Amino acid sequence: MTADVGAQLRKGVVEYCVLGLLDREPMYGWQLADALTGPGLIASIGTLYPLLGRLRDKGWVSTFDRPSEAGPVRRYYLLTDAGIAQLALFRTQWQPFARTVSYLVGEESP
């Protein structure tokens, strides 16, 4: 896979990966960045904050601040009802889509 194809694939799903992580629990930026940089879904925390801003603008996440025992106050992100609905819609479409792509590129039988 060329870097360009990988970048396009990541760009298409990374928002939903963030929603999936936040469906488990509210998280602060560094937690999200750690979960997403390890598998290569984002390059760095610097690419995460604009993404979180877009999710807030869409009304899919909201924020709250919580004091930290280890430093400054942390901003946590959590799903809104609209974010929960959007994630549910993505989940219904993802598996059939992924199976179809796998079949078409020769990885799976129908």
PDB file of N, CA and C in Angstrom:
ATOM      1  N   MET A   1       0.846  -1.174   0.000  1.00  0.00           N
ATOM      2  CA  MET A   1       0.000   0.000   0.000  1.00  0.00           C
ATOM      3  C   MET A   1       0.887   1.231   0.000  1.00  0.00           C
ATOM      4  N   THR A   2       0.570   2.143  -0.874  1.00  0.00           N
ATOM      5  CA  THR A   2       1.344   3.375  -0.889  1.00  0.00           C
ATOM      6  C   THR A   2       0.898   4.259   0.269  1.00  0.00           C
ATOM      7  N   ALA A   3       1.766   5.157   0.651  1.00  0.00           N
ATOM      8  CA  ALA A   3       1.446   6.065   1.752  1.00  0.00           C
ATOM      9  C   ALA A   3       0.184   6.858   1.445  1.00  0.00           C
ATOM     10  N   ASP A   4      -0.010   7.235   0.191  1.00  0.00           N
ATOM     11  CA  ASP A   4      -1.179   8.023  -0.188  1.00  0.00           C
ATOM     12  C   ASP A   4      -2.480   7.264   0.054  1.00  0.00           C
ATOM     13  N   VAL A   5      -2.536   5.977  -0.309  1.00  0.00           N
ATOM     14  CA  VAL A   5      -3.729   5.170  -0.086  1.00  0.00           C
ATOM     15  C   VAL A   5      -3.982   5.013   1.409  1.00  0.00           C
ATOM     16  N   GLY A   6      -2.943   4.739   2.163  1.00  0.00           N
ATOM     17  CA  GLY A   6      -3.086   4.601   3.606  1.00  0.00           C
ATOM     18  C   GLY A   6      -3.603   5.878   4.242  1.00  0.00           C
ATOM     19  N   ALA A   7      -3.109   7.011   3.807  1.00  0.00           N
ATOM     20  CA  ALA A   7      -3.557   8.295   4.350  1.00  0.00           C
ATOM     21  C   ALA A   7      -5.036   8.507   4.053  1.00  0.00           C
ATOM     22  N   GLN A   8      -5.458   8.171   2.856  1.00  0.00           N
ATOM     23  CA  GLN A   8      -6.867   8.337   2.499  1.00  0.00           C
ATOM     24  C   GLN A   8      -7.760   7.402   3.317  1.00  0.00           C
ATOM     25  N   LEU A   9      -7.311   6.175   3.538  1.00  0.00           N
ATOM     26  CA  LEU A   9      -8.087   5.240   4.355  1.00  0.00           C
ATOM     27  C   LEU A   9      -8.210   5.745   5.792  1.00  0.00           C
ATOM     28  N   ARG A  10      -7.096   6.196   6.350  1.00  0.00           N
ATOM     29  CA  ARG A  10      -7.123   6.715   7.720  1.00  0.00           C
ATOM     30  C   ARG A  10      -8.029   7.928   7.825  1.00  0.00           C
ATOM     31  N   LYS A  11      -7.911   8.830   6.866  1.00  0.00           N
ATOM     32  CA  LYS A  11      -8.717  10.046   6.886  1.00  0.00           C
ATOM     33  C   LYS A  11     -10.204   9.715   6.884  1.00  0.00           C
ATOM     34  N   GLY A  12     -10.579   8.657   6.191  1.00  0.00           N
ATOM     35  CA  GLY A  12     -11.982   8.285   6.106  1.00  0.00           C
ATOM     36  C   GLY A  12     -12.563   7.684   7.367  1.00  0.00           C
ATOM     37  N   VAL A  13     -11.730   7.123   8.234  1.00  0.00           N
ATOM     38  CA  VAL A  13     -12.269   6.421   9.401  1.00  0.00           C
ATOM     39  C   VAL A  13     -11.827   6.979  10.754  1.00  0.00           C
ATOM     40  N   VAL A  14     -10.856   7.863  10.783  1.00  0.00           N
ATOM     41  CA  VAL A  14     -10.299   8.271  12.075  1.00  0.00           C
ATOM     42  C   VAL A  14     -11.329   8.965  12.962  1.00  0.00           C
ATOM     43  N   GLU A  15     -12.234   9.749  12.373  1.00  0.00           N
ATOM     44  CA  GLU A  15     -13.264  10.389  13.196  1.00  0.00           C
ATOM     45  C   GLU A  15     -14.102   9.342  13.917  1.00  0.00           C
ATOM     46  N   TYR A  16     -14.434   8.275  13.206  1.00  0.00           N
ATOM     47  CA  TYR A  16     -15.255   7.223  13.801  1.00  0.00           C
ATOM     48  C   TYR A  16     -14.476   6.404  14.825  1.00  0.00           C
ATOM     49  N   CYS A  17     -13.177   6.302  14.642  1.00  0.00           N
ATOM     50  CA  CYS A  17     -12.339   5.653  15.654  1.00  0.00           C
ATOM     51  C   CYS A  17     -12.361   6.463  16.945  1.00  0.00           C
ATOM     52  N   VAL A  18     -12.303   7.783  16.826  1.00  0.00           N
ATOM     53  CA  VAL A  18     -12.400   8.644  18.014  1.00  0.00           C
ATOM     54  C   VAL A  18     -13.761   8.450  18.678  1.00  0.00           C
ATOM     55  N   LEU A  19     -14.826   8.446  17.887  1.00  0.00           N
ATOM     56  CA  LEU A  19     -16.156   8.228  18.470  1.00  0.00           C
ATOM     57  C   LEU A  19     -16.227   6.879  19.170  1.00  0.00           C
ATOM     58  N   GLY A  20     -15.631   5.859  18.565  1.00  0.00           N
ATOM     59  CA  GLY A  20     -15.623   4.533  19.191  1.00  0.00           C
ATOM     60  C   GLY A  20     -14.881   4.519  20.515  1.00  0.00           C
ATOM     61  N   LEU A  21     -13.748   5.202  20.568  1.00  0.00           N
ATOM     62  CA  LEU A  21     -13.010   5.281  21.830  1.00  0.00           C
ATOM     63  C   LEU A  21     -13.821   6.015  22.892  1.00  0.00           C
ATOM     64  N   LEU A  22     -14.463   7.109  22.486  1.00  0.00           N
ATOM     65  CA  LEU A  22     -15.245   7.891  23.445  1.00  0.00           C
ATOM     66  C   LEU A  22     -16.529   7.185  23.853  1.00  0.00           C
ATOM     67  N   ASP A  23     -16.964   6.224  23.060  1.00  0.00           N
ATOM     68  CA  ASP A  23     -18.127   5.423  23.446  1.00  0.00           C
ATOM     69  C   ASP A  23     -17.801   4.546  24.648  1.00  0.00           C
ATOM     70  N   ARG A  24     -16.541   4.211  24.819  1.00  0.00           N
ATOM     71  CA  ARG A  24     -16.103   3.393  25.958  1.00  0.00           C
ATOM     72  C   ARG A  24     -16.048   4.196  27.241  1.00  0.00           C
ATOM     73  N   GLU A  25     -15.527   5.431  27.110  1.00  0.00           N
ATOM     74  CA  GLU A  25     -15.389   6.306  28.268  1.00  0.00           C
ATOM     75  C   GLU A  25     -14.948   7.692  27.811  1.00  0.00           C
ATOM     76  N   PRO A  26     -15.273   8.739  28.582  1.00  0.00           N
ATOM     77  CA  PRO A  26     -14.710  10.055  28.264  1.00  0.00           C
ATOM     78  C   PRO A  26     -13.189   9.992  28.371  1.00  0.00           C
ATOM     79  N   MET A  27     -12.509  10.690  27.486  1.00  0.00           N
ATOM     80  CA  MET A  27     -11.048  10.669  27.460  1.00  0.00           C
ATOM     81  C   MET A  27     -10.522  12.070  27.238  1.00  0.00           C
ATOM     82  N   TYR A  28      -9.306  12.324  27.722  1.00  0.00           N
ATOM     83  CA  TYR A  28      -8.667  13.601  27.444  1.00  0.00           C
ATOM     84  C   TYR A  28      -7.728  13.434  26.248  1.00  0.00           C
ATOM     85  N   GLY A  29      -7.267  14.548  25.726  1.00  0.00           N
ATOM     86  CA  GLY A  29      -6.522  14.556  24.476  1.00  0.00           C
ATOM     87  C   GLY A  29      -5.352  13.597  24.410  1.00  0.00           C
ATOM     88  N   TRP A  30      -4.514  13.588  25.458  1.00  0.00           N
ATOM     89  CA  TRP A  30      -3.340  12.704  25.416  1.00  0.00           C
ATOM     90  C   TRP A  30      -3.740  11.239  25.393  1.00  0.00           C
ATOM     91  N   GLN A  31      -4.810  10.878  26.100  1.00  0.00           N
ATOM     92  CA  GLN A  31      -5.291   9.492  26.053  1.00  0.00           C
ATOM     93  C   GLN A  31      -5.697   9.107  24.639  1.00  0.00           C
ATOM     94  N   LEU A  32      -6.465   9.981  24.013  1.00  0.00           N
ATOM     95  CA  LEU A  32      -6.888   9.728  22.639  1.00  0.00           C
ATOM     96  C   LEU A  32      -5.695   9.635  21.700  1.00  0.00           C
ATOM     97  N   ALA A  33      -4.760  10.562  21.855  1.00  0.00           N
ATOM     98  CA  ALA A  33      -3.574  10.561  20.992  1.00  0.00           C
ATOM     99  C   ALA A  33      -2.791   9.265  21.150  1.00  0.00           C
ATOM    100  N   ASP A  34      -2.598   8.807  22.375  1.00  0.00           N
ATOM    101  CA  ASP A  34      -1.881   7.547  22.599  1.00  0.00           C
ATOM    102  C   ASP A  34      -2.585   6.376  21.916  1.00  0.00           C
ATOM    103  N   ALA A  35      -3.922   6.342  22.023  1.00  0.00           N
ATOM    104  CA  ALA A  35      -4.677   5.242  21.432  1.00  0.00           C
ATOM    105  C   ALA A  35      -4.648   5.274  19.907  1.00  0.00           C
ATOM    106  N   LEU A  36      -4.480   6.457  19.333  1.00  0.00           N
ATOM    107  CA  LEU A  36      -4.535   6.599  17.879  1.00  0.00           C
ATOM    108  C   LEU A  36      -3.169   6.628  17.204  1.00  0.00           C
ATOM    109  N   THR A  37      -2.128   7.081  17.903  1.00  0.00           N
ATOM    110  CA  THR A  37      -0.811   7.134  17.272  1.00  0.00           C
ATOM    111  C   THR A  37      -0.158   5.758  17.223  1.00  0.00           C
ATOM    112  N   GLY A  38      -0.380   4.938  18.246  1.00  0.00           N
ATOM    113  CA  GLY A  38       0.210   3.596  18.268  1.00  0.00           C
ATOM    114  C   GLY A  38      -0.079   2.798  17.009  1.00  0.00           C
ATOM    115  N   PRO A  39      -1.353   2.674  16.637  1.00  0.00           N
ATOM    116  CA  PRO A  39      -1.660   1.933  15.410  1.00  0.00           C
ATOM    117  C   PRO A  39      -1.516   2.758  14.133  1.00  0.00           C
ATOM    118  N   GLY A  40      -1.045   3.991  14.252  1.00  0.00           N
ATOM    119  CA  GLY A  40      -0.786   4.806  13.072  1.00  0.00           C
ATOM    120  C   GLY A  40      -1.988   5.497  12.468  1.00  0.00           C
ATOM    121  N   LEU A  41      -3.055   5.676  13.236  1.00  0.00           N
ATOM    122  CA  LEU A  41      -4.234   6.347  12.708  1.00  0.00           C
ATOM    123  C   LEU A  41      -4.057   7.863  12.634  1.00  0.00           C
ATOM    124  N   ILE A  42      -3.233   8.417  13.509  1.00  0.00           N
ATOM    125  CA  ILE A  42      -2.849   9.824  13.413  1.00  0.00           C
ATOM    126  C   ILE A  42      -1.342   9.905  13.565  1.00  0.00           C
ATOM    127  N   ALA A  43      -0.773  10.991  13.056  1.00  0.00           N
ATOM    128  CA  ALA A  43       0.685  11.146  13.122  1.00  0.00           C
ATOM    129  C   ALA A  43       1.145  11.634  14.482  1.00  0.00           C
ATOM    130  N   SER A  44       0.377  12.548  15.080  1.00  0.00           N
ATOM    131  CA  SER A  44       0.784  13.128  16.361  1.00  0.00           C
ATOM    132  C   SER A  44      -0.419  13.789  17.020  1.00  0.00           C
ATOM    133  N   ILE A  45      -0.220  14.213  18.245  1.00  0.00           N
ATOM    134  CA  ILE A  45      -1.292  14.901  18.954  1.00  0.00           C
ATOM    135  C   ILE A  45      -1.680  16.199  18.249  1.00  0.00           C
ATOM    136  N   GLY A  46      -0.752  16.768  17.502  1.00  0.00           N
ATOM    137  CA  GLY A  46      -1.044  17.990  16.767  1.00  0.00           C
ATOM    138  C   GLY A  46      -2.118  17.807  15.705  1.00  0.00           C
ATOM    139  N   THR A  47      -2.273  16.604  15.200  1.00  0.00           N
ATOM    140  CA  THR A  47      -3.335  16.350  14.222  1.00  0.00           C
ATOM    141  C   THR A  47      -4.654  16.004  14.898  1.00  0.00           C
ATOM    142  N   LEU A  48      -4.609  15.681  16.186  1.00  0.00           N
ATOM    143  CA  LEU A  48      -5.823  15.288  16.901  1.00  0.00           C
ATOM    144  C   LEU A  48      -6.713  16.475  17.223  1.00  0.00           C
ATOM    145  N   TYR A  49      -6.141  17.567  17.690  1.00  0.00           N
ATOM    146  CA  TYR A  49      -6.974  18.671  18.167  1.00  0.00           C
ATOM    147  C   TYR A  49      -7.828  19.307  17.080  1.00  0.00           C
ATOM    148  N   PRO A  50      -7.338  19.492  15.860  1.00  0.00           N
ATOM    149  CA  PRO A  50      -8.250  19.978  14.815  1.00  0.00           C
ATOM    150  C   PRO A  50      -9.395  18.996  14.547  1.00  0.00           C
ATOM    151  N   LEU A  51      -9.103  17.702  14.604  1.00  0.00           N
ATOM    152  CA  LEU A  51     -10.128  16.680  14.418  1.00  0.00           C
ATOM    153  C   LEU A  51     -11.181  16.787  15.525  1.00  0.00           C
ATOM    154  N   LEU A  52     -10.739  16.945  16.762  1.00  0.00           N
ATOM    155  CA  LEU A  52     -11.678  17.087  17.876  1.00  0.00           C
ATOM    156  C   LEU A  52     -12.518  18.351  17.728  1.00  0.00           C
ATOM    157  N   GLY A  53     -11.919  19.411  17.224  1.00  0.00           N
ATOM    158  CA  GLY A  53     -12.662  20.640  16.961  1.00  0.00           C
ATOM    159  C   GLY A  53     -13.762  20.418  15.926  1.00  0.00           C
ATOM    160  N   ARG A  54     -13.458  19.658  14.872  1.00  0.00           N
ATOM    161  CA  ARG A  54     -14.472  19.346  13.857  1.00  0.00           C
ATOM    162  C   ARG A  54     -15.604  18.515  14.458  1.00  0.00           C
ATOM    163  N   LEU A  55     -15.253  17.563  15.308  1.00  0.00           N
ATOM    164  CA  LEU A  55     -16.283  16.737  15.943  1.00  0.00           C
ATOM    165  C   LEU A  55     -17.171  17.578  16.862  1.00  0.00           C
ATOM    166  N   ARG A  56     -16.569  18.538  17.554  1.00  0.00           N
ATOM    167  CA  ARG A  56     -17.358  19.463  18.387  1.00  0.00           C
ATOM    168  C   ARG A  56     -18.265  20.321  17.514  1.00  0.00           C
ATOM    169  N   ASP A  57     -17.715  20.835  16.417  1.00  0.00           N
ATOM    170  CA  ASP A  57     -18.504  21.674  15.512  1.00  0.00           C
ATOM    171  C   ASP A  57     -19.697  20.916  14.932  1.00  0.00           C
ATOM    172  N   LYS A  58     -19.528  19.627  14.689  1.00  0.00           N
ATOM    173  CA  LYS A  58     -20.619  18.800  14.179  1.00  0.00           C
ATOM    174  C   LYS A  58     -21.633  18.458  15.270  1.00  0.00           C
ATOM    175  N   GLY A  59     -21.258  18.703  16.525  1.00  0.00           N
ATOM    176  CA  GLY A  59     -22.142  18.375  17.638  1.00  0.00           C
ATOM    177  C   GLY A  59     -22.062  16.930  18.077  1.00  0.00           C
ATOM    178  N   TRP A  60     -20.980  16.227  17.674  1.00  0.00           N
ATOM    179  CA  TRP A  60     -20.846  14.812  18.004  1.00  0.00           C
ATOM    180  C   TRP A  60     -20.123  14.585  19.319  1.00  0.00           C
ATOM    181  N   VAL A  61     -19.343  15.544  19.775  1.00  0.00           N
ATOM    182  CA  VAL A  61     -18.670  15.450  21.074  1.00  0.00           C
ATOM    183  C   VAL A  61     -18.849  16.763  21.824  1.00  0.00           C
ATOM    184  N   SER A  62     -18.761  16.670  23.123  1.00  0.00           N
ATOM    185  CA  SER A  62     -18.717  17.856  23.973  1.00  0.00           C
ATOM    186  C   SER A  62     -17.534  17.685  24.926  1.00  0.00           C
ATOM    187  N   THR A  63     -17.267  18.704  25.710  1.00  0.00           N
ATOM    188  CA  THR A  63     -16.105  18.669  26.596  1.00  0.00           C
ATOM    189  C   THR A  63     -16.498  19.065  28.010  1.00  0.00           C
ATOM    190  N   PHE A  64     -15.658  18.643  28.928  1.00  0.00           N
ATOM    191  CA  PHE A  64     -15.735  19.122  30.307  1.00  0.00           C
ATOM    192  C   PHE A  64     -14.325  19.089  30.869  1.00  0.00           C
ATOM    193  N   ASP A  65     -14.070  19.924  31.858  1.00  0.00           N
ATOM    194  CA  ASP A  65     -12.751  19.982  32.490  1.00  0.00           C
ATOM    195  C   ASP A  65     -12.785  19.239  33.814  1.00  0.00           C
ATOM    196  N   ARG A  66     -11.679  18.557  34.104  1.00  0.00           N
ATOM    197  CA  ARG A  66     -11.559  17.800  35.354  1.00  0.00           C
ATOM    198  C   ARG A  66     -10.164  18.029  35.906  1.00  0.00           C
ATOM    199  N   PRO A  67     -10.050  18.342  37.192  1.00  0.00           N
ATOM    200  CA  PRO A  67      -8.715  18.495  37.784  1.00  0.00           C
ATOM    201  C   PRO A  67      -7.913  17.207  37.666  1.00  0.00           C
ATOM    202  N   SER A  68      -6.613  17.365  37.536  1.00  0.00           N
ATOM    203  CA  SER A  68      -5.717  16.222  37.425  1.00  0.00           C
ATOM    204  C   SER A  68      -4.852  16.149  38.673  1.00  0.00           C
ATOM    205  N   GLU A  69      -4.606  14.942  39.143  1.00  0.00           N
ATOM    206  CA  GLU A  69      -3.712  14.755  40.287  1.00  0.00           C
ATOM    207  C   GLU A  69      -2.259  14.979  39.878  1.00  0.00           C
ATOM    208  N   ALA A  70      -1.977  14.876  38.580  1.00  0.00           N
ATOM    209  CA  ALA A  70      -0.597  14.923  38.113  1.00  0.00           C
ATOM    210  C   ALA A  70      -0.238  16.215  37.385  1.00  0.00           C
ATOM    211  N   GLY A  71      -1.078  17.226  37.433  1.00  0.00           N
ATOM    212  CA  GLY A  71      -0.749  18.453  36.715  1.00  0.00           C
ATOM    213  C   GLY A  71      -1.952  19.342  36.542  1.00  0.00           C
ATOM    214  N   PRO A  72      -1.984  20.058  35.416  1.00  0.00           N
ATOM    215  CA  PRO A  72      -3.076  21.022  35.193  1.00  0.00           C
ATOM    216  C   PRO A  72      -4.413  20.334  34.929  1.00  0.00           C
ATOM    217  N   VAL A  73      -5.457  21.123  34.913  1.00  0.00           N
ATOM    218  CA  VAL A  73      -6.799  20.632  34.599  1.00  0.00           C
ATOM    219  C   VAL A  73      -6.774  20.002  33.207  1.00  0.00           C
ATOM    220  N   ARG A  74      -7.490  18.901  33.071  1.00  0.00           N
ATOM    221  CA  ARG A  74      -7.555  18.209  31.777  1.00  0.00           C
ATOM    222  C   ARG A  74      -8.924  18.414  31.148  1.00  0.00           C
ATOM    223  N   ARG A  75      -8.933  18.619  29.840  1.00  0.00           N
ATOM    224  CA  ARG A  75     -10.182  18.718  29.091  1.00  0.00           C
ATOM    225  C   ARG A  75     -10.532  17.332  28.572  1.00  0.00           C
ATOM    226  N   TYR A  76     -11.682  16.857  28.993  1.00  0.00           N
ATOM    227  CA  TYR A  76     -12.174  15.555  28.572  1.00  0.00           C
ATOM    228  C   TYR A  76     -13.201  15.715  27.464  1.00  0.00           C
ATOM    229  N   TYR A  77     -13.246  14.716  26.604  1.00  0.00           N
ATOM    230  CA  TYR A  77     -14.194  14.684  25.491  1.00  0.00           C
ATOM    231  C   TYR A  77     -15.149  13.528  25.718  1.00  0.00           C
ATOM    232  N   LEU A  78     -16.426  13.756  25.430  1.00  0.00           N
ATOM    233  CA  LEU A  78     -17.413  12.698  25.543  1.00  0.00           C
ATOM    234  C   LEU A  78     -18.407  12.803  24.400  1.00  0.00           C
ATOM    235  N   LEU A  79     -19.046  11.685  24.104  1.00  0.00           N
ATOM    236  CA  LEU A  79     -20.023  11.649  23.025  1.00  0.00           C
ATOM    237  C   LEU A  79     -21.303  12.362  23.424  1.00  0.00           C
ATOM    238  N   THR A  80     -21.886  13.058  22.476  1.00  0.00           N
ATOM    239  CA  THR A  80     -23.222  13.613  22.640  1.00  0.00           C
ATOM    240  C   THR A  80     -24.210  12.582  22.093  1.00  0.00           C
ATOM    241  N   ASP A  81     -25.490  12.865  22.250  1.00  0.00           N
ATOM    242  CA  ASP A  81     -26.495  11.970  21.661  1.00  0.00           C
ATOM    243  C   ASP A  81     -26.320  11.890  20.143  1.00  0.00           C
ATOM    244  N   ALA A  82     -25.997  13.021  19.523  1.00  0.00           N
ATOM    245  CA  ALA A  82     -25.769  13.029  18.066  1.00  0.00           C
ATOM    246  C   ALA A  82     -24.544  12.179  17.708  1.00  0.00           C
ATOM    247  N   GLY A  83     -23.510  12.206  18.539  1.00  0.00           N
ATOM    248  CA  GLY A  83     -22.323  11.388  18.309  1.00  0.00           C
ATOM    249  C   GLY A  83     -22.617   9.910  18.458  1.00  0.00           C
ATOM    250  N   ILE A  84     -23.427   9.575  19.444  1.00  0.00           N
ATOM    251  CA  ILE A  84     -23.831   8.174  19.640  1.00  0.00           C
ATOM    252  C   ILE A  84     -24.606   7.685  18.418  1.00  0.00           C
ATOM    253  N   ALA A  85     -25.513   8.522  17.919  1.00  0.00           N
ATOM    254  CA  ALA A  85     -26.298   8.150  16.742  1.00  0.00           C
ATOM    255  C   ALA A  85     -25.409   8.002  15.508  1.00  0.00           C
ATOM    256  N   GLN A  86     -24.455   8.904  15.346  1.00  0.00           N
ATOM    257  CA  GLN A  86     -23.555   8.841  14.190  1.00  0.00           C
ATOM    258  C   GLN A  86     -22.682   7.587  14.250  1.00  0.00           C
ATOM    259  N   LEU A  87     -22.194   7.244  15.434  1.00  0.00           N
ATOM    260  CA  LEU A  87     -21.392   6.036  15.588  1.00  0.00           C
ATOM    261  C   LEU A  87     -22.227   4.797  15.287  1.00  0.00           C
ATOM    262  N   ALA A  88     -23.468   4.778  15.748  1.00  0.00           N
ATOM    263  CA  ALA A  88     -24.349   3.640  15.469  1.00  0.00           C
ATOM    264  C   ALA A  88     -24.570   3.486  13.967  1.00  0.00           C
ATOM    265  N   LEU A  89     -24.774   4.589  13.269  1.00  0.00           N
ATOM    266  CA  LEU A  89     -24.941   4.544  11.816  1.00  0.00           C
ATOM    267  C   LEU A  89     -23.679   4.016  11.136  1.00  0.00           C
ATOM    268  N   PHE A  90     -22.524   4.493  11.572  1.00  0.00           N
ATOM    269  CA  PHE A  90     -21.263   4.008  11.010  1.00  0.00           C
ATOM    270  C   PHE A  90     -21.121   2.511  11.232  1.00  0.00           C
ATOM    271  N   ARG A  91     -21.436   2.048  12.428  1.00  0.00           N
ATOM    272  CA  ARG A  91     -21.302   0.621  12.734  1.00  0.00           C
ATOM    273  C   ARG A  91     -22.179  -0.239  11.834  1.00  0.00           C
ATOM    274  N   THR A  92     -23.377   0.226  11.515  1.00  0.00           N
ATOM    275  CA  THR A  92     -24.256  -0.574  10.647  1.00  0.00           C
ATOM    276  C   THR A  92     -23.713  -0.641   9.227  1.00  0.00           C
ATOM    277  N   GLN A  93     -22.963   0.365   8.813  1.00  0.00           N
ATOM    278  CA  GLN A  93     -22.451   0.405   7.450  1.00  0.00           C
ATOM    279  C   GLN A  93     -21.034  -0.147   7.310  1.00  0.00           C
ATOM    280  N   TRP A  94     -20.254  -0.142   8.374  1.00  0.00           N
ATOM    281  CA  TRP A  94     -18.839  -0.503   8.265  1.00  0.00           C
ATOM    282  C   TRP A  94     -18.616  -1.969   7.890  1.00  0.00           C
ATOM    283  N   GLN A  95     -19.216  -2.906   8.606  1.00  0.00           N
ATOM    284  CA  GLN A  95     -18.945  -4.320   8.351  1.00  0.00           C
ATOM    285  C   GLN A  95     -19.333  -4.744   6.938  1.00  0.00           C
ATOM    286  N   PRO A  96     -20.532  -4.399   6.445  1.00  0.00           N
ATOM    287  CA  PRO A  96     -20.841  -4.758   5.057  1.00  0.00           C
ATOM    288  C   PRO A  96     -19.865  -4.113   4.069  1.00  0.00           C
ATOM    289  N   PHE A  97     -19.492  -2.878   4.310  1.00  0.00           N
ATOM    290  CA  PHE A  97     -18.546  -2.188   3.435  1.00  0.00           C
ATOM    291  C   PHE A  97     -17.186  -2.884   3.449  1.00  0.00           C
ATOM    292  N   ALA A  98     -16.675  -3.176   4.651  1.00  0.00           N
ATOM    293  CA  ALA A  98     -15.367  -3.820   4.770  1.00  0.00           C
ATOM    294  C   ALA A  98     -15.377  -5.207   4.124  1.00  0.00           C
ATOM    295  N   ARG A  99     -16.460  -5.958   4.306  1.00  0.00           N
ATOM    296  CA  ARG A  99     -16.558  -7.282   3.666  1.00  0.00           C
ATOM    297  C   ARG A  99     -16.565  -7.151   2.149  1.00  0.00           C
ATOM    298  N   THR A 100     -17.289  -6.178   1.629  1.00  0.00           N
ATOM    299  CA  THR A 100     -17.353  -5.979   0.185  1.00  0.00           C
ATOM    300  C   THR A 100     -15.986  -5.624  -0.378  1.00  0.00           C
ATOM    301  N   VAL A 101     -15.296  -4.713   0.268  1.00  0.00           N
ATOM    302  CA  VAL A 101     -13.961  -4.328  -0.195  1.00  0.00           C
ATOM    303  C   VAL A 101     -13.023  -5.530  -0.133  1.00  0.00           C
ATOM    304  N   SER A 102     -13.053  -6.275   0.950  1.00  0.00           N
ATOM    305  CA  SER A 102     -12.195  -7.458   1.060  1.00  0.00           C
ATOM    306  C   SER A 102     -12.490  -8.461  -0.051  1.00  0.00           C
ATOM    307  N   TYR A 103     -13.745  -8.653  -0.342  1.00  0.00           N
ATOM    308  CA  TYR A 103     -14.127  -9.556  -1.420  1.00  0.00           C
ATOM    309  C   TYR A 103     -13.605  -9.045  -2.765  1.00  0.00           C
ATOM    310  N   LEU A 104     -13.824  -7.756  -3.028  1.00  0.00           N
ATOM    311  CA  LEU A 104     -13.446  -7.202  -4.332  1.00  0.00           C
ATOM    312  C   LEU A 104     -11.937  -7.188  -4.555  1.00  0.00           C
ATOM    313  N   VAL A 105     -11.167  -7.046  -3.496  1.00  0.00           N
ATOM    314  CA  VAL A 105      -9.713  -7.058  -3.675  1.00  0.00           C
ATOM    315  C   VAL A 105      -9.136  -8.457  -3.514  1.00  0.00           C
ATOM    316  N   GLY A 106     -10.026  -9.451  -3.341  1.00  0.00           N
ATOM    317  CA  GLY A 106      -9.599 -10.840  -3.365  1.00  0.00           C
ATOM    318  C   GLY A 106      -9.156 -11.422  -2.048  1.00  0.00           C
ATOM    319  N   GLU A 107      -9.569 -10.854  -0.929  1.00  0.00           N
ATOM    320  CA  GLU A 107      -9.182 -11.413   0.364  1.00  0.00           C
ATOM    321  C   GLU A 107     -10.231 -12.335   0.955  1.00  0.00           C
ATOM    322  N   GLU A 108     -11.462 -12.206   0.529  1.00  0.00           N
ATOM    323  CA  GLU A 108     -12.556 -12.955   1.121  1.00  0.00           C
ATOM    324  C   GLU A 108     -13.445 -13.529   0.033  1.00  0.00           C
ATOM    325  N   SER A 109     -14.115 -14.636   0.354  1.00  0.00           N
ATOM    326  CA  SER A 109     -15.124 -15.134  -0.567  1.00  0.00           C
ATOM    327  C   SER A 109     -16.453 -14.467  -0.196  1.00  0.00           C
ATOM    328  N   PRO A 110     -17.397 -14.440  -1.119  1.00  0.00           N
ATOM    329  CA  PRO A 110     -18.677 -13.746  -0.869  1.00  0.00           C
ATOM    330  C   PRO A 110     -19.480 -14.285   0.272  1.00  0.00           C
TER     331      PRO A 110
END
